Amino acid sequence: MTSNRSRPRRKFRRLFKRNVYKEAVMALYIVADECISCGDCEPVCPTNSITEGKIVFEIDKKTCTECEGDFDKPQCVRVCPVDNCILPLPA
């Protein structure tokens, strides 16, 4: 006797995996209106995620780890002379 039970389970597993295994983006970004393009952040980044953009510096969200595993606080935030210039990406 054939059961249709396997189809709903497969569908449920796919939906479950889509909802649970989404990767959380852990990265910072530079507020363009606040950045003075001093360049202090670029050399201190342990993952080399900060590069000079056309107008201001930019952080690559694919490689930025917020210095987790290397430092207690993101180094770019520590050396930036402007308050609230480098912020976490919104969830």
PDB file of N, CA and C in Angstrom:
ATOM      1  N   MET A   1       0.828  -1.172   0.000  1.00  0.00           N
ATOM      2  CA  MET A   1       0.000   0.000   0.000  1.00  0.00           C
ATOM      3  C   MET A   1       0.887   1.254   0.000  1.00  0.00           C
ATOM      4  N   THR A   2       0.627   2.185  -0.893  1.00  0.00           N
ATOM      5  CA  THR A   2       1.417   3.403  -1.018  1.00  0.00           C
ATOM      6  C   THR A   2       0.849   4.498  -0.125  1.00  0.00           C
ATOM      7  N   SER A   3       1.724   5.151   0.556  1.00  0.00           N
ATOM      8  CA  SER A   3       1.297   6.209   1.469  1.00  0.00           C
ATOM      9  C   SER A   3       1.748   7.571   0.932  1.00  0.00           C
ATOM     10  N   ASN A   4       0.924   8.562   1.064  1.00  0.00           N
ATOM     11  CA  ASN A   4       1.283   9.916   0.655  1.00  0.00           C
ATOM     12  C   ASN A   4       1.984  10.684   1.772  1.00  0.00           C
ATOM     13  N   ARG A   5       2.290   9.981   2.800  1.00  0.00           N
ATOM     14  CA  ARG A   5       2.886  10.608   3.967  1.00  0.00           C
ATOM     15  C   ARG A   5       4.260  11.219   3.680  1.00  0.00           C
ATOM     16  N   SER A   6       5.029  10.638   2.761  1.00  0.00           N
ATOM     17  CA  SER A   6       6.376  11.127   2.500  1.00  0.00           C
ATOM     18  C   SER A   6       6.375  12.512   1.841  1.00  0.00           C
ATOM     19  N   ARG A   7       5.395  12.817   1.034  1.00  0.00           N
ATOM     20  CA  ARG A   7       5.369  14.128   0.383  1.00  0.00           C
ATOM     21  C   ARG A   7       5.224  15.286   1.374  1.00  0.00           C
ATOM     22  N   PRO A   8       4.267  15.258   2.269  1.00  0.00           N
ATOM     23  CA  PRO A   8       4.177  16.361   3.216  1.00  0.00           C
ATOM     24  C   PRO A   8       5.419  16.494   4.096  1.00  0.00           C
ATOM     25  N   ARG A   9       6.016  15.372   4.462  1.00  0.00           N
ATOM     26  CA  ARG A   9       7.227  15.439   5.272  1.00  0.00           C
ATOM     27  C   ARG A   9       8.353  16.125   4.520  1.00  0.00           C
ATOM     28  N   ARG A  10       8.536  15.783   3.270  1.00  0.00           N
ATOM     29  CA  ARG A  10       9.585  16.428   2.483  1.00  0.00           C
ATOM     30  C   ARG A  10       9.339  17.927   2.382  1.00  0.00           C
ATOM     31  N   LYS A  11       8.109  18.284   2.128  1.00  0.00           N
ATOM     32  CA  LYS A  11       7.762  19.700   2.023  1.00  0.00           C
ATOM     33  C   LYS A  11       8.038  20.398   3.351  1.00  0.00           C
ATOM     34  N   PHE A  12       7.669  19.772   4.447  1.00  0.00           N
ATOM     35  CA  PHE A  12       7.895  20.342   5.766  1.00  0.00           C
ATOM     36  C   PHE A  12       9.390  20.511   6.021  1.00  0.00           C
ATOM     37  N   ARG A  13      10.177  19.525   5.654  1.00  0.00           N
ATOM     38  CA  ARG A  13      11.627  19.612   5.875  1.00  0.00           C
ATOM     39  C   ARG A  13      12.230  20.779   5.097  1.00  0.00           C
ATOM     40  N   ARG A  14      11.792  20.957   3.859  1.00  0.00           N
ATOM     41  CA  ARG A  14      12.303  22.070   3.064  1.00  0.00           C
ATOM     42  C   ARG A  14      11.959  23.409   3.707  1.00  0.00           C
ATOM     43  N   LEU A  15      10.729  23.558   4.122  1.00  0.00           N
ATOM     44  CA  LEU A  15      10.316  24.805   4.764  1.00  0.00           C
ATOM     45  C   LEU A  15      11.073  25.016   6.065  1.00  0.00           C
ATOM     46  N   PHE A  16      11.235  23.946   6.815  1.00  0.00           N
ATOM     47  CA  PHE A  16      11.937  24.028   8.088  1.00  0.00           C
ATOM     48  C   PHE A  16      13.382  24.463   7.858  1.00  0.00           C
ATOM     49  N   LYS A  17      14.026  23.877   6.883  1.00  0.00           N
ATOM     50  CA  LYS A  17      15.419  24.228   6.605  1.00  0.00           C
ATOM     51  C   LYS A  17      15.535  25.679   6.134  1.00  0.00           C
ATOM     52  N   ARG A  18      14.608  26.134   5.315  1.00  0.00           N
ATOM     53  CA  ARG A  18      14.658  27.521   4.846  1.00  0.00           C
ATOM     54  C   ARG A  18      14.554  28.509   5.988  1.00  0.00           C
ATOM     55  N   ASN A  19      13.704  28.219   6.945  1.00  0.00           N
ATOM     56  CA  ASN A  19      13.489  29.155   8.039  1.00  0.00           C
ATOM     57  C   ASN A  19      14.579  29.098   9.099  1.00  0.00           C
ATOM     58  N   VAL A  20      15.129  27.929   9.346  1.00  0.00           N
ATOM     59  CA  VAL A  20      16.071  27.774  10.446  1.00  0.00           C
ATOM     60  C   VAL A  20      17.511  28.055  10.025  1.00  0.00           C
ATOM     61  N   TYR A  21      17.888  27.678   8.852  1.00  0.00           N
ATOM     62  CA  TYR A  21      19.289  27.753   8.472  1.00  0.00           C
ATOM     63  C   TYR A  21      19.667  29.020   7.722  1.00  0.00           C
ATOM     64  N   LYS A  22      18.919  30.078   7.883  1.00  0.00           N
ATOM     65  CA  LYS A  22      19.321  31.340   7.287  1.00  0.00           C
ATOM     66  C   LYS A  22      20.526  31.857   8.054  1.00  0.00           C
ATOM     67  N   GLU A  23      21.517  32.310   7.323  1.00  0.00           N
ATOM     68  CA  GLU A  23      22.713  32.802   7.980  1.00  0.00           C
ATOM     69  C   GLU A  23      22.498  34.226   8.463  1.00  0.00           C
ATOM     70  N   ALA A  24      22.908  34.489   9.657  1.00  0.00           N
ATOM     71  CA  ALA A  24      22.830  35.840  10.196  1.00  0.00           C
ATOM     72  C   ALA A  24      24.017  36.636   9.662  1.00  0.00           C
ATOM     73  N   VAL A  25      23.741  37.814   9.183  1.00  0.00           N
ATOM     74  CA  VAL A  25      24.800  38.673   8.678  1.00  0.00           C
ATOM     75  C   VAL A  25      25.414  39.410   9.857  1.00  0.00           C
ATOM     76  N   MET A  26      26.689  39.212  10.035  1.00  0.00           N
ATOM     77  CA  MET A  26      27.395  39.865  11.117  1.00  0.00           C
ATOM     78  C   MET A  26      28.413  40.784  10.483  1.00  0.00           C
ATOM     79  N   ALA A  27      28.084  42.037  10.405  1.00  0.00           N
ATOM     80  CA  ALA A  27      28.986  42.970   9.746  1.00  0.00           C
ATOM     81  C   ALA A  27      28.686  44.384  10.200  1.00  0.00           C
ATOM     82  N   LEU A  28      29.587  45.259   9.847  1.00  0.00           N
ATOM     83  CA  LEU A  28      29.456  46.676  10.144  1.00  0.00           C
ATOM     84  C   LEU A  28      29.333  47.440   8.834  1.00  0.00           C
ATOM     85  N   TYR A  29      28.872  48.674   8.924  1.00  0.00           N
ATOM     86  CA  TYR A  29      28.869  49.534   7.745  1.00  0.00           C
ATOM     87  C   TYR A  29      29.297  50.935   8.159  1.00  0.00           C
ATOM     88  N   ILE A  30      29.769  51.698   7.193  1.00  0.00           N
ATOM     89  CA  ILE A  30      30.224  53.058   7.448  1.00  0.00           C
ATOM     90  C   ILE A  30      29.139  54.013   6.989  1.00  0.00           C
ATOM     91  N   VAL A  31      28.741  54.922   7.870  1.00  0.00           N
ATOM     92  CA  VAL A  31      27.733  55.931   7.547  1.00  0.00           C
ATOM     93  C   VAL A  31      28.422  56.990   6.690  1.00  0.00           C
ATOM     94  N   ALA A  32      28.029  57.066   5.427  1.00  0.00           N
ATOM     95  CA  ALA A  32      28.705  57.941   4.462  1.00  0.00           C
ATOM     96  C   ALA A  32      28.666  59.410   4.861  1.00  0.00           C
ATOM     97  N   ASP A  33      27.576  59.857   5.452  1.00  0.00           N
ATOM     98  CA  ASP A  33      27.466  61.269   5.849  1.00  0.00           C
ATOM     99  C   ASP A  33      28.379  61.616   7.014  1.00  0.00           C
ATOM    100  N   GLU A  34      28.788  60.613   7.780  1.00  0.00           N
ATOM    101  CA  GLU A  34      29.637  60.853   8.953  1.00  0.00           C
ATOM    102  C   GLU A  34      31.126  60.653   8.666  1.00  0.00           C
ATOM    103  N   CYS A  35      31.444  59.806   7.696  1.00  0.00           N
ATOM    104  CA  CYS A  35      32.837  59.450   7.412  1.00  0.00           C
ATOM    105  C   CYS A  35      33.607  60.653   6.875  1.00  0.00           C
ATOM    106  N   ILE A  36      34.813  60.882   7.438  1.00  0.00           N
ATOM    107  CA  ILE A  36      35.661  61.991   6.975  1.00  0.00           C
ATOM    108  C   ILE A  36      36.805  61.473   6.093  1.00  0.00           C
ATOM    109  N   SER A  37      36.777  60.190   5.748  1.00  0.00           N
ATOM    110  CA  SER A  37      37.772  59.548   4.867  1.00  0.00           C
ATOM    111  C   SER A  37      39.201  59.704   5.377  1.00  0.00           C
ATOM    112  N   CYS A  38      39.368  59.566   6.681  1.00  0.00           N
ATOM    113  CA  CYS A  38      40.713  59.699   7.255  1.00  0.00           C
ATOM    114  C   CYS A  38      41.569  58.456   6.981  1.00  0.00           C
ATOM    115  N   GLY A  39      40.930  57.287   6.838  1.00  0.00           N
ATOM    116  CA  GLY A  39      41.658  56.068   6.527  1.00  0.00           C
ATOM    117  C   GLY A  39      42.214  55.338   7.730  1.00  0.00           C
ATOM    118  N   ASP A  40      41.901  55.772   8.934  1.00  0.00           N
ATOM    119  CA  ASP A  40      42.415  55.110  10.140  1.00  0.00           C
ATOM    120  C   ASP A  40      41.903  53.684  10.281  1.00  0.00           C
ATOM    121  N   CYS A  41      40.718  53.401   9.768  1.00  0.00           N
ATOM    122  CA  CYS A  41      40.096  52.087   9.934  1.00  0.00           C
ATOM    123  C   CYS A  41      40.702  51.012   9.035  1.00  0.00           C
ATOM    124  N   GLU A  42      41.158  51.376   7.873  1.00  0.00           N
ATOM    125  CA  GLU A  42      41.618  50.385   6.889  1.00  0.00           C
ATOM    126  C   GLU A  42      42.774  49.504   7.371  1.00  0.00           C
ATOM    127  N   PRO A  43      43.849  50.046   7.913  1.00  0.00           N
ATOM    128  CA  PRO A  43      44.975  49.183   8.286  1.00  0.00           C
ATOM    129  C   PRO A  43      44.735  48.311   9.527  1.00  0.00           C
ATOM    130  N   VAL A  44      43.752  48.650  10.355  1.00  0.00           N
ATOM    131  CA  VAL A  44      43.535  47.872  11.585  1.00  0.00           C
ATOM    132  C   VAL A  44      42.572  46.711  11.398  1.00  0.00           C
ATOM    133  N   CYS A  45      41.942  46.584  10.258  1.00  0.00           N
ATOM    134  CA  CYS A  45      40.973  45.514  10.012  1.00  0.00           C
ATOM    135  C   CYS A  45      41.694  44.181   9.827  1.00  0.00           C
ATOM    136  N   PRO A  46      41.436  43.200  10.719  1.00  0.00           N
ATOM    137  CA  PRO A  46      42.137  41.912  10.606  1.00  0.00           C
ATOM    138  C   PRO A  46      41.697  41.060   9.413  1.00  0.00           C
ATOM    139  N   THR A  47      40.528  41.353   8.837  1.00  0.00           N
ATOM    140  CA  THR A  47      40.050  40.569   7.691  1.00  0.00           C
ATOM    141  C   THR A  47      40.181  41.325   6.368  1.00  0.00           C
ATOM    142  N   ASN A  48      40.795  42.494   6.403  1.00  0.00           N
ATOM    143  CA  ASN A  48      40.960  43.338   5.206  1.00  0.00           C
ATOM    144  C   ASN A  48      39.633  43.606   4.511  1.00  0.00           C
ATOM    145  N   SER A  49      38.589  43.825   5.306  1.00  0.00           N
ATOM    146  CA  SER A  49      37.251  44.064   4.768  1.00  0.00           C
ATOM    147  C   SER A  49      36.992  45.525   4.437  1.00  0.00           C
ATOM    148  N   ILE A  50      37.878  46.403   4.843  1.00  0.00           N
ATOM    149  CA  ILE A  50      37.679  47.834   4.614  1.00  0.00           C
ATOM    150  C   ILE A  50      38.537  48.281   3.444  1.00  0.00           C
ATOM    151  N   THR A  51      37.878  48.907   2.473  1.00  0.00           N
ATOM    152  CA  THR A  51      38.573  49.422   1.295  1.00  0.00           C
ATOM    153  C   THR A  51      38.126  50.849   1.024  1.00  0.00           C
ATOM    154  N   GLU A  52      38.942  51.560   0.283  1.00  0.00           N
ATOM    155  CA  GLU A  52      38.597  52.930  -0.065  1.00  0.00           C
ATOM    156  C   GLU A  52      37.605  52.927  -1.218  1.00  0.00           C
ATOM    157  N   GLY A  53      36.456  53.536  -0.994  1.00  0.00           N
ATOM    158  CA  GLY A  53      35.445  53.639  -2.037  1.00  0.00           C
ATOM    159  C   GLY A  53      35.643  54.911  -2.843  1.00  0.00           C
ATOM    160  N   LYS A  54      34.688  55.243  -3.692  1.00  0.00           N
ATOM    161  CA  LYS A  54      34.795  56.457  -4.508  1.00  0.00           C
ATOM    162  C   LYS A  54      34.744  57.716  -3.664  1.00  0.00           C
ATOM    163  N   ILE A  55      33.902  57.705  -2.628  1.00  0.00           N
ATOM    164  CA  ILE A  55      33.753  58.895  -1.793  1.00  0.00           C
ATOM    165  C   ILE A  55      34.297  58.653  -0.386  1.00  0.00           C
ATOM    166  N   VAL A  56      33.857  57.568   0.249  1.00  0.00           N
ATOM    167  CA  VAL A  56      34.294  57.230   1.605  1.00  0.00           C
ATOM    168  C   VAL A  56      34.741  55.771   1.641  1.00  0.00           C
ATOM    169  N   PHE A  57      35.255  55.352   2.770  1.00  0.00           N
ATOM    170  CA  PHE A  57      35.668  53.962   2.920  1.00  0.00           C
ATOM    171  C   PHE A  57      34.437  53.071   3.032  1.00  0.00           C
ATOM    172  N   GLU A  58      34.584  51.810   2.619  1.00  0.00           N
ATOM    173  CA  GLU A  58      33.469  50.863   2.610  1.00  0.00           C
ATOM    174  C   GLU A  58      33.896  49.574   3.295  1.00  0.00           C
ATOM    175  N   ILE A  59      32.932  48.893   3.926  1.00  0.00           N
ATOM    176  CA  ILE A  59      33.190  47.617   4.586  1.00  0.00           C
ATOM    177  C   ILE A  59      32.468  46.515   3.817  1.00  0.00           C
ATOM    178  N   ASP A  60      33.205  45.487   3.449  1.00  0.00           N
ATOM    179  CA  ASP A  60      32.629  44.344   2.739  1.00  0.00           C
ATOM    180  C   ASP A  60      31.879  43.471   3.741  1.00  0.00           C
ATOM    181  N   LYS A  61      30.557  43.419   3.627  1.00  0.00           N
ATOM    182  CA  LYS A  61      29.751  42.671   4.598  1.00  0.00           C
ATOM    183  C   LYS A  61      29.941  41.162   4.486  1.00  0.00           C
ATOM    184  N   LYS A  62      30.490  40.689   3.386  1.00  0.00           N
ATOM    185  CA  LYS A  62      30.710  39.250   3.227  1.00  0.00           C
ATOM    186  C   LYS A  62      31.915  38.756   4.027  1.00  0.00           C
ATOM    187  N   THR A  63      32.868  39.634   4.272  1.00  0.00           N
ATOM    188  CA  THR A  63      34.079  39.206   4.968  1.00  0.00           C
ATOM    189  C   THR A  63      34.221  39.813   6.362  1.00  0.00           C
ATOM    190  N   CYS A  64      33.439  40.826   6.682  1.00  0.00           N
ATOM    191  CA  CYS A  64      33.522  41.459   8.001  1.00  0.00           C
ATOM    192  C   CYS A  64      33.001  40.520   9.084  1.00  0.00           C
ATOM    193  N   THR A  65      33.782  40.358  10.144  1.00  0.00           N
ATOM    194  CA  THR A  65      33.397  39.500  11.261  1.00  0.00           C
ATOM    195  C   THR A  65      33.210  40.300  12.548  1.00  0.00           C
ATOM    196  N   GLU A  66      33.250  41.620  12.451  1.00  0.00           N
ATOM    197  CA  GLU A  66      33.210  42.506  13.614  1.00  0.00           C
ATOM    198  C   GLU A  66      34.340  42.160  14.578  1.00  0.00           C
ATOM    199  N   CYS A  67      35.429  41.653  14.055  1.00  0.00           N
ATOM    200  CA  CYS A  67      36.635  41.279  14.807  1.00  0.00           C
ATOM    201  C   CYS A  67      36.393  40.172  15.825  1.00  0.00           C
ATOM    202  N   GLU A  68      35.293  39.458  15.685  1.00  0.00           N
ATOM    203  CA  GLU A  68      35.004  38.370  16.620  1.00  0.00           C
ATOM    204  C   GLU A  68      36.045  37.273  16.449  1.00  0.00           C
ATOM    205  N   GLY A  69      36.599  36.861  17.565  1.00  0.00           N
ATOM    206  CA  GLY A  69      37.650  35.859  17.558  1.00  0.00           C
ATOM    207  C   GLY A  69      39.042  36.470  17.537  1.00  0.00           C
ATOM    208  N   ASP A  70      39.131  37.740  17.176  1.00  0.00           N
ATOM    209  CA  ASP A  70      40.423  38.429  17.150  1.00  0.00           C
ATOM    210  C   ASP A  70      40.540  39.453  18.276  1.00  0.00           C
ATOM    211  N   PHE A  71      39.479  40.235  18.480  1.00  0.00           N
ATOM    212  CA  PHE A  71      39.490  41.306  19.471  1.00  0.00           C
ATOM    213  C   PHE A  71      38.146  41.360  20.196  1.00  0.00           C
ATOM    214  N   ASP A  72      38.116  42.027  21.344  1.00  0.00           N
ATOM    215  CA  ASP A  72      36.872  42.187  22.099  1.00  0.00           C
ATOM    216  C   ASP A  72      35.939  43.201  21.453  1.00  0.00           C
ATOM    217  N   LYS A  73      36.504  44.206  20.787  1.00  0.00           N
ATOM    218  CA  LYS A  73      35.723  45.266  20.159  1.00  0.00           C
ATOM    219  C   LYS A  73      36.211  45.439  18.732  1.00  0.00           C
ATOM    220  N   PRO A  74      35.315  45.734  17.783  1.00  0.00           N
ATOM    221  CA  PRO A  74      35.776  45.976  16.409  1.00  0.00           C
ATOM    222  C   PRO A  74      36.835  47.083  16.377  1.00  0.00           C
ATOM    223  N   GLN A  75      37.931  46.775  15.749  1.00  0.00           N
ATOM    224  CA  GLN A  75      39.057  47.705  15.736  1.00  0.00           C
ATOM    225  C   GLN A  75      38.784  48.982  14.951  1.00  0.00           C
ATOM    226  N   CYS A  76      37.975  48.882  13.918  1.00  0.00           N
ATOM    227  CA  CYS A  76      37.658  50.085  13.142  1.00  0.00           C
ATOM    228  C   CYS A  76      36.862  51.075  13.998  1.00  0.00           C
ATOM    229  N   VAL A  77      35.959  50.551  14.824  1.00  0.00           N
ATOM    230  CA  VAL A  77      35.177  51.404  15.718  1.00  0.00           C
ATOM    231  C   VAL A  77      36.097  52.028  16.761  1.00  0.00           C
ATOM    232  N   ARG A  78      37.063  51.263  17.242  1.00  0.00           N
ATOM    233  CA  ARG A  78      37.990  51.739  18.269  1.00  0.00           C
ATOM    234  C   ARG A  78      38.841  52.907  17.773  1.00  0.00           C
ATOM    235  N   VAL A  79      39.311  52.847  16.523  1.00  0.00           N
ATOM    236  CA  VAL A  79      40.224  53.884  16.022  1.00  0.00           C
ATOM    237  C   VAL A  79      39.523  55.037  15.306  1.00  0.00           C
ATOM    238  N   CYS A  80      38.257  54.879  14.977  1.00  0.00           N
ATOM    239  CA  CYS A  80      37.545  55.922  14.234  1.00  0.00           C
ATOM    240  C   CYS A  80      37.389  57.179  15.092  1.00  0.00           C
ATOM    241  N   PRO A  81      37.804  58.341  14.569  1.00  0.00           N
ATOM    242  CA  PRO A  81      37.699  59.582  15.342  1.00  0.00           C
ATOM    243  C   PRO A  81      36.284  60.166  15.391  1.00  0.00           C
ATOM    244  N   VAL A  82      35.365  59.619  14.594  1.00  0.00           N
ATOM    245  CA  VAL A  82      33.997  60.128  14.536  1.00  0.00           C
ATOM    246  C   VAL A  82      33.068  59.150  15.247  1.00  0.00           C
ATOM    247  N   ASP A  83      32.327  59.666  16.230  1.00  0.00           N
ATOM    248  CA  ASP A  83      31.359  58.824  16.948  1.00  0.00           C
ATOM    249  C   ASP A  83      30.203  58.439  16.032  1.00  0.00           C
ATOM    250  N   ASN A  84      29.748  57.191  16.153  1.00  0.00           N
ATOM    251  CA  ASN A  84      28.613  56.657  15.394  1.00  0.00           C
ATOM    252  C   ASN A  84      28.795  56.739  13.875  1.00  0.00           C
ATOM    253  N   CYS A  85      30.024  56.582  13.444  1.00  0.00           N
ATOM    254  CA  CYS A  85      30.316  56.550  12.007  1.00  0.00           C
ATOM    255  C   CYS A  85      30.283  55.117  11.490  1.00  0.00           C
ATOM    256  N   ILE A  86      30.702  54.165  12.328  1.00  0.00           N
ATOM    257  CA  ILE A  86      30.714  52.750  11.951  1.00  0.00           C
ATOM    258  C   ILE A  86      29.721  52.032  12.851  1.00  0.00           C
ATOM    259  N   LEU A  87      28.697  51.464  12.218  1.00  0.00           N
ATOM    260  CA  LEU A  87      27.588  50.858  12.958  1.00  0.00           C
ATOM    261  C   LEU A  87      27.327  49.436  12.475  1.00  0.00           C
ATOM    262  N   PRO A  88      26.669  48.589  13.306  1.00  0.00           N
ATOM    263  CA  PRO A  88      26.304  47.248  12.854  1.00  0.00           C
ATOM    264  C   PRO A  88      25.186  47.303  11.813  1.00  0.00           C
ATOM    265  N   LEU A  89      25.214  46.361  10.881  1.00  0.00           N
ATOM    266  CA  LEU A  89      24.142  46.265   9.886  1.00  0.00           C
ATOM    267  C   LEU A  89      22.828  45.961  10.589  1.00  0.00           C
ATOM    268  N   PRO A  90      21.726  46.583  10.152  1.00  0.00           N
ATOM    269  CA  PRO A  90      20.442  46.254  10.745  1.00  0.00           C
ATOM    270  C   PRO A  90      20.048  44.816  10.453  1.00  0.00           C
ATOM    271  N   ALA A  91      19.400  44.176  11.402  1.00  0.00           N
ATOM    272  CA  ALA A  91      19.035  42.755  11.243  1.00  0.00           C
ATOM    273  C   ALA A  91      17.944  42.543  10.266  1.00  0.00           C
TER     274      ALA A  91
END
